[in-house]
Amino acid sequence: DTFESNWNAYLGVNKKVVQLSRDNKTEEGMALLNGESQRLIKETMSTLDKLMELNVQGGDVAKEQGESAYQATRFWVMLGISMVVVAGILMAIVISRNISRSITAAVQVANKVAAGDLTSEVEVKGADEIGQLMLAMKGMNERLRTMVGQVTSSTSQLAAAVDQLSAVTSQTSKGMKTQQLETEKVATAMSE
């Protein structure tokens, strides 16, 4: 407000100086120019200098605030990125451990089946690829157990049949020996 009022006053005095010069009142115009006009222009320039200084100070404050905001934002962005990286690493560790455990369980089941142990129960956890593998291994283990049971049953039946055949063969052999003895007796009796 001070700048504007001083500037308007200076322009008013300047118009008077120009009018006095036109009216050939040069001495009055010079006195007004060197006196009132000079004082007003100096006050106006002083006010303008203060406004400029105030603007520079405001610019410095704004610069400091901007720098501070930049540093704070940079800190939070770096913190956020760091947290995302740490969370990603933790998730990778958890996922790899879960996969590793599932694969280890599948390998153990496969090793037991390969060693001939069909008595183990296969636990199926999840529906992912490893869960599907475990489900297939469970089905394979159960089918192998059923097949081995059938082979064992068939072997038992075959062993029983062999025992029966052996008993029949033994009886037949005894019967043939008895017949041979009878035949020899009849032949001896006939030759006498």
C-alpha atoms as a PDB file:
ATOM      1  CA  ASP A   1       0.000   0.000   0.000  1.00  0.00           C
ATOM      2  CA  THR A   2       2.840   2.410   0.843  1.00  0.00           C
ATOM      3  CA  PHE A   3       4.525   1.766  -2.495  1.00  0.00           C
ATOM      4  CA  GLU A   4       1.318   2.352  -4.449  1.00  0.00           C
ATOM      5  CA  SER A   5       0.434   5.578  -2.561  1.00  0.00           C
ATOM      6  CA  ASN A   6       4.024   6.908  -2.941  1.00  0.00           C
ATOM      7  CA  TRP A   7       4.037   5.985  -6.626  1.00  0.00           C
ATOM      8  CA  ASN A   8       0.679   7.679  -7.258  1.00  0.00           C
ATOM      9  CA  ALA A   9       1.881  10.784  -5.361  1.00  0.00           C
ATOM     10  CA  TYR A  10       5.105  10.817  -7.426  1.00  0.00           C
ATOM     11  CA  LEU A  11       3.103  10.546 -10.680  1.00  0.00           C
ATOM     12  CA  GLY A  12       0.879  13.424  -9.511  1.00  0.00           C
ATOM     13  CA  VAL A  13       3.921  15.608  -8.705  1.00  0.00           C
ATOM     14  CA  ASN A  14       5.509  14.615 -12.009  1.00  0.00           C
ATOM     15  CA  LYS A  15       2.368  15.805 -13.860  1.00  0.00           C
ATOM     16  CA  LYS A  16       2.618  19.133 -12.001  1.00  0.00           C
ATOM     17  CA  VAL A  17       6.298  19.463 -12.999  1.00  0.00           C
ATOM     18  CA  VAL A  18       5.378  18.808 -16.646  1.00  0.00           C
ATOM     19  CA  GLN A  19       2.505  21.330 -16.454  1.00  0.00           C
ATOM     20  CA  LEU A  20       4.772  23.964 -14.836  1.00  0.00           C
ATOM     21  CA  SER A  21       7.339  23.351 -17.580  1.00  0.00           C
ATOM     22  CA  ARG A  22       4.632  23.907 -20.219  1.00  0.00           C
ATOM     23  CA  ASP A  23       3.541  27.044 -18.455  1.00  0.00           C
ATOM     24  CA  ASN A  24       7.151  28.293 -18.552  1.00  0.00           C
ATOM     25  CA  LYS A  25       7.393  28.208 -14.780  1.00  0.00           C
ATOM     26  CA  THR A  26      10.725  26.463 -14.924  1.00  0.00           C
ATOM     27  CA  GLU A  27      12.015  27.571 -11.506  1.00  0.00           C
ATOM     28  CA  GLU A  28       8.906  26.347  -9.720  1.00  0.00           C
ATOM     29  CA  GLY A  29       9.064  23.123 -11.763  1.00  0.00           C
ATOM     30  CA  MET A  30      12.736  22.601 -10.883  1.00  0.00           C
ATOM     31  CA  ALA A  31      12.088  23.289  -7.236  1.00  0.00           C
ATOM     32  CA  LEU A  32       9.204  20.804  -7.247  1.00  0.00           C
ATOM     33  CA  LEU A  33      11.304  18.271  -9.217  1.00  0.00           C
ATOM     34  CA  ASN A  34      14.316  18.589  -6.880  1.00  0.00           C
ATOM     35  CA  GLY A  35      12.239  18.714  -3.731  1.00  0.00           C
ATOM     36  CA  GLU A  36       8.932  16.877  -3.503  1.00  0.00           C
ATOM     37  CA  SER A  37       9.502  14.693  -6.587  1.00  0.00           C
ATOM     38  CA  GLN A  38      12.942  13.556  -5.351  1.00  0.00           C
ATOM     39  CA  ARG A  39      11.604  12.807  -1.885  1.00  0.00           C
ATOM     40  CA  LEU A  40       8.693  10.783  -3.288  1.00  0.00           C
ATOM     41  CA  ILE A  41      10.867   8.822  -5.740  1.00  0.00           C
ATOM     42  CA  LYS A  42      13.356   8.038  -2.941  1.00  0.00           C
ATOM     43  CA  GLU A  43      10.514   6.843  -0.652  1.00  0.00           C
ATOM     44  CA  THR A  44       9.040   4.848  -3.544  1.00  0.00           C
ATOM     45  CA  MET A  45      12.421   3.276  -4.359  1.00  0.00           C
ATOM     46  CA  SER A  46      13.040   2.565  -0.654  1.00  0.00           C
ATOM     47  CA  THR A  47       9.639   0.881  -0.408  1.00  0.00           C
ATOM     48  CA  LEU A  48      10.366  -1.011  -3.638  1.00  0.00           C
ATOM     49  CA  ASP A  49      13.740  -2.139  -2.224  1.00  0.00           C
ATOM     50  CA  LYS A  50      11.997  -3.345   0.931  1.00  0.00           C
ATOM     51  CA  LEU A  51       9.402  -5.220  -1.170  1.00  0.00           C
ATOM     52  CA  MET A  52      12.157  -6.775  -3.262  1.00  0.00           C
ATOM     53  CA  GLU A  53      14.047  -7.765  -0.112  1.00  0.00           C
ATOM     54  CA  LEU A  54      10.841  -9.217   1.294  1.00  0.00           C
ATOM     55  CA  ASN A  55      10.325 -11.171  -1.959  1.00  0.00           C
ATOM     56  CA  VAL A  56      13.920 -12.443  -1.828  1.00  0.00           C
ATOM     57  CA  GLN A  57      13.451 -13.500   1.791  1.00  0.00           C
ATOM     58  CA  GLY A  58      10.149 -15.176   0.892  1.00  0.00           C
ATOM     59  CA  GLY A  59      11.903 -16.915  -1.991  1.00  0.00           C
ATOM     60  CA  ASP A  60      14.654 -18.103   0.361  1.00  0.00           C
ATOM     61  CA  VAL A  61      12.063 -19.385   2.832  1.00  0.00           C
ATOM     62  CA  ALA A  62      10.153 -21.087   0.023  1.00  0.00           C
ATOM     63  CA  LYS A  63      13.422 -22.600  -1.238  1.00  0.00           C
ATOM     64  CA  GLU A  64      14.236 -23.920   2.240  1.00  0.00           C
ATOM     65  CA  GLN A  65      10.722 -25.302   2.638  1.00  0.00           C
ATOM     66  CA  GLY A  66      10.910 -26.882  -0.807  1.00  0.00           C
ATOM     67  CA  GLU A  67      14.290 -28.403   0.003  1.00  0.00           C
ATOM     68  CA  SER A  68      12.944 -29.676   3.312  1.00  0.00           C
ATOM     69  CA  ALA A  69       9.868 -31.137   1.598  1.00  0.00           C
ATOM     70  CA  TYR A  70      12.110 -32.744  -1.042  1.00  0.00           C
ATOM     71  CA  GLN A  71      14.316 -34.320   1.629  1.00  0.00           C
ATOM     72  CA  ALA A  72      11.308 -35.568   3.599  1.00  0.00           C
ATOM     73  CA  THR A  73       9.664 -36.958   0.458  1.00  0.00           C
ATOM     74  CA  ARG A  74      12.926 -38.576  -0.598  1.00  0.00           C
ATOM     75  CA  PHE A  75      13.266 -40.182   2.839  1.00  0.00           C
ATOM     76  CA  TRP A  76       9.718 -41.577   2.751  1.00  0.00           C
ATOM     77  CA  VAL A  77      10.082 -42.809  -0.825  1.00  0.00           C
ATOM     78  CA  MET A  78      13.358 -44.562   0.018  1.00  0.00           C
ATOM     79  CA  LEU A  79      11.777 -46.014   3.157  1.00  0.00           C
ATOM     80  CA  GLY A  80       8.785 -47.224   1.133  1.00  0.00           C
ATOM     81  CA  ILE A  81      11.026 -48.795  -1.513  1.00  0.00           C
ATOM     82  CA  SER A  82      13.112 -50.453   1.196  1.00  0.00           C
ATOM     83  CA  MET A  83       9.995 -51.840   2.860  1.00  0.00           C
ATOM     84  CA  VAL A  84       8.715 -53.195  -0.463  1.00  0.00           C
ATOM     85  CA  VAL A  85      12.084 -54.850  -1.148  1.00  0.00           C
ATOM     86  CA  VAL A  86      12.192 -56.387   2.344  1.00  0.00           C
ATOM     87  CA  ALA A  87       8.581 -57.581   1.998  1.00  0.00           C
ATOM     88  CA  GLY A  88       9.437 -59.076  -1.409  1.00  0.00           C
ATOM     89  CA  ILE A  89      12.439 -60.912   0.029  1.00  0.00           C
ATOM     90  CA  LEU A  90      10.377 -62.222   2.950  1.00  0.00           C
ATOM     91  CA  MET A  91       7.630 -63.389   0.595  1.00  0.00           C
ATOM     92  CA  ALA A  92      10.214 -65.104  -1.609  1.00  0.00           C
ATOM     93  CA  ILE A  93      11.666 -66.886   1.429  1.00  0.00           C
ATOM     94  CA  VAL A  94       8.228 -68.010   2.650  1.00  0.00           C
ATOM     95  CA  ILE A  95       7.167 -69.181  -0.811  1.00  0.00           C
ATOM     96  CA  SER A  96      10.439 -71.023  -1.432  1.00  0.00           C
ATOM     97  CA  ARG A  97      10.219 -72.718   1.981  1.00  0.00           C
ATOM     98  CA  ASN A  98       6.652 -73.860   1.289  1.00  0.00           C
ATOM     99  CA  ILE A  99       7.642 -75.182  -2.123  1.00  0.00           C
ATOM    100  CA  SER A 100      10.741 -76.833  -0.677  1.00  0.00           C
ATOM    101  CA  ARG A 101       8.751 -78.534   2.092  1.00  0.00           C
ATOM    102  CA  SER A 102       6.172 -79.815  -0.367  1.00  0.00           C
ATOM    103  CA  ILE A 103       8.823 -81.102  -2.745  1.00  0.00           C
ATOM    104  CA  THR A 104      10.698 -82.732   0.147  1.00  0.00           C
ATOM    105  CA  ALA A 105       7.498 -84.507   1.212  1.00  0.00           C
ATOM    106  CA  ALA A 106       6.942 -85.697  -2.373  1.00  0.00           C
ATOM    107  CA  VAL A 107      10.524 -86.986  -2.581  1.00  0.00           C
ATOM    108  CA  GLN A 108      10.108 -88.854   0.731  1.00  0.00           C
ATOM    109  CA  VAL A 109       6.944 -90.542  -0.521  1.00  0.00           C
ATOM    110  CA  ALA A 110       8.646 -91.442  -3.819  1.00  0.00           C
ATOM    111  CA  ASN A 111      11.645 -92.865  -1.950  1.00  0.00           C
ATOM    112  CA  LYS A 112       9.397 -94.979   0.301  1.00  0.00           C
ATOM    113  CA  VAL A 113       7.512 -96.321  -2.714  1.00  0.00           C
ATOM    114  CA  ALA A 114      10.816 -97.006  -4.498  1.00  0.00           C
ATOM    115  CA  ALA A 115      12.028 -98.890  -1.409  1.00  0.00           C
ATOM    116  CA  GLY A 116       8.868-100.997  -1.460  1.00  0.00           C
ATOM    117  CA  ASP A 117       7.144 -99.378   1.523  1.00  0.00           C
ATOM    118  CA  LEU A 118       3.562 -98.963   0.404  1.00  0.00           C
ATOM    119  CA  THR A 119       2.189 -98.537   3.933  1.00  0.00           C
ATOM    120  CA  SER A 120       2.825 -94.798   4.211  1.00  0.00           C
ATOM    121  CA  GLU A 121      -0.108 -92.437   3.971  1.00  0.00           C
ATOM    122  CA  VAL A 122       0.340 -89.519   1.576  1.00  0.00           C
ATOM    123  CA  GLU A 123      -0.962 -86.162   2.851  1.00  0.00           C
ATOM    124  CA  VAL A 124      -2.302 -83.869   0.157  1.00  0.00           C
ATOM    125  CA  LYS A 125      -2.142 -80.186   1.065  1.00  0.00           C
ATOM    126  CA  GLY A 126      -3.268 -77.546  -1.391  1.00  0.00           C
ATOM    127  CA  ALA A 127      -4.417 -77.597  -4.968  1.00  0.00           C
ATOM    128  CA  ASP A 128      -1.298 -76.191  -6.594  1.00  0.00           C
ATOM    129  CA  GLU A 129       1.022 -78.195  -8.841  1.00  0.00           C
ATOM    130  CA  ILE A 130       2.783 -79.817  -5.904  1.00  0.00           C
ATOM    131  CA  GLY A 131      -0.583 -80.695  -4.333  1.00  0.00           C
ATOM    132  CA  GLN A 132      -1.582 -82.300  -7.639  1.00  0.00           C
ATOM    133  CA  LEU A 133       1.711 -84.231  -7.670  1.00  0.00           C
ATOM    134  CA  MET A 134       1.065 -85.454  -4.127  1.00  0.00           C
ATOM    135  CA  LEU A 135      -2.485 -86.471  -5.094  1.00  0.00           C
ATOM    136  CA  ALA A 136      -1.107 -88.457  -8.047  1.00  0.00           C
ATOM    137  CA  MET A 137       1.497 -90.098  -5.787  1.00  0.00           C
ATOM    138  CA  LYS A 138      -1.230 -90.970  -3.293  1.00  0.00           C
ATOM    139  CA  GLY A 139      -3.271 -92.601  -6.056  1.00  0.00           C
ATOM    140  CA  MET A 140      -0.199 -94.455  -7.326  1.00  0.00           C
ATOM    141  CA  ASN A 141       0.658 -95.643  -3.809  1.00  0.00           C
ATOM    142  CA  GLU A 142      -2.906 -96.898  -3.238  1.00  0.00           C
ATOM    143  CA  ARG A 143      -3.010 -98.677  -6.640  1.00  0.00           C
ATOM    144  CA  LEU A 144       0.374-100.292  -6.006  1.00  0.00           C
ATOM    145  CA  ARG A 145      -0.814-101.377  -2.556  1.00  0.00           C
ATOM    146  CA  THR A 146      -3.944-102.888  -4.140  1.00  0.00           C
ATOM    147  CA  MET A 147      -1.868-104.617  -6.835  1.00  0.00           C
ATOM    148  CA  VAL A 148       0.596-105.995  -4.295  1.00  0.00           C
ATOM    149  CA  GLY A 149      -2.336-107.201  -2.198  1.00  0.00           C
ATOM    150  CA  GLN A 150      -3.810-108.940  -5.246  1.00  0.00           C
ATOM    151  CA  VAL A 151      -0.430-110.486  -6.127  1.00  0.00           C
ATOM    152  CA  THR A 152      -0.017-111.633  -2.530  1.00  0.00           C
ATOM    153  CA  SER A 153      -3.501-113.120  -2.565  1.00  0.00           C
ATOM    154  CA  SER A 154      -2.832-114.817  -5.897  1.00  0.00           C
ATOM    155  CA  THR A 155       0.478-116.107  -4.592  1.00  0.00           C
ATOM    156  CA  SER A 156      -1.256-117.493  -1.503  1.00  0.00           C
ATOM    157  CA  GLN A 157      -3.860-119.181  -3.673  1.00  0.00           C
ATOM    158  CA  LEU A 158      -1.133-120.553  -5.937  1.00  0.00           C
ATOM    159  CA  ALA A 159       0.793-121.844  -2.909  1.00  0.00           C
ATOM    160  CA  ALA A 160      -2.365-123.538  -1.638  1.00  0.00           C
ATOM    161  CA  ALA A 161      -2.918-125.072  -5.068  1.00  0.00           C
ATOM    162  CA  VAL A 162       0.691-126.251  -5.148  1.00  0.00           C
ATOM    163  CA  ASP A 163       0.240-127.792  -1.687  1.00  0.00           C
ATOM    164  CA  GLN A 164      -2.949-129.547  -2.861  1.00  0.00           C
ATOM    165  CA  LEU A 165      -1.210-130.717  -6.037  1.00  0.00           C
ATOM    166  CA  SER A 166       1.703-131.935  -3.969  1.00  0.00           C
ATOM    167  CA  ALA A 167      -0.685-133.834  -1.668  1.00  0.00           C
ATOM    168  CA  VAL A 168      -2.482-135.335  -4.680  1.00  0.00           C
ATOM    169  CA  THR A 169       0.825-136.247  -6.268  1.00  0.00           C
ATOM    170  CA  SER A 170       1.978-137.812  -3.015  1.00  0.00           C
ATOM    171  CA  GLN A 171      -1.259-139.818  -2.740  1.00  0.00           C
ATOM    172  CA  THR A 172      -0.993-140.844  -6.359  1.00  0.00           C
ATOM    173  CA  SER A 173       2.598-141.906  -5.811  1.00  0.00           C
ATOM    174  CA  LYS A 174       1.588-143.963  -2.754  1.00  0.00           C
ATOM    175  CA  GLY A 175      -1.280-145.454  -4.695  1.00  0.00           C
ATOM    176  CA  MET A 176       1.061-146.349  -7.547  1.00  0.00           C
ATOM    177  CA  LYS A 177       3.534-147.966  -5.152  1.00  0.00           C
ATOM    178  CA  THR A 178       0.733-149.889  -3.555  1.00  0.00           C
ATOM    179  CA  GLN A 179      -0.463-150.961  -6.997  1.00  0.00           C
ATOM    180  CA  GLN A 180       3.055-151.921  -7.958  1.00  0.00           C
ATOM    181  CA  LEU A 181       3.392-154.069  -4.864  1.00  0.00           C
ATOM    182  CA  GLU A 182       0.043-155.664  -5.564  1.00  0.00           C
ATOM    183  CA  THR A 183       1.037-156.271  -9.144  1.00  0.00           C
ATOM    184  CA  GLU A 184       4.318-157.855  -8.031  1.00  0.00           C
ATOM    185  CA  LYS A 185       2.436-160.047  -5.583  1.00  0.00           C
ATOM    186  CA  VAL A 186       0.049-161.139  -8.299  1.00  0.00           C
ATOM    187  CA  ALA A 187       2.964-161.793 -10.662  1.00  0.00           C
ATOM    188  CA  THR A 188       4.842-163.761  -8.019  1.00  0.00           C
ATOM    189  CA  ALA A 189       1.713-165.730  -7.235  1.00  0.00           C
ATOM    190  CA  MET A 190       1.162-166.514 -10.878  1.00  0.00           C
ATOM    191  CA  SER A 191       4.663-167.607 -11.459  1.00  0.00           C
ATOM    192  CA  GLU A 192       4.482-170.046  -8.632  1.00  0.00           C
END
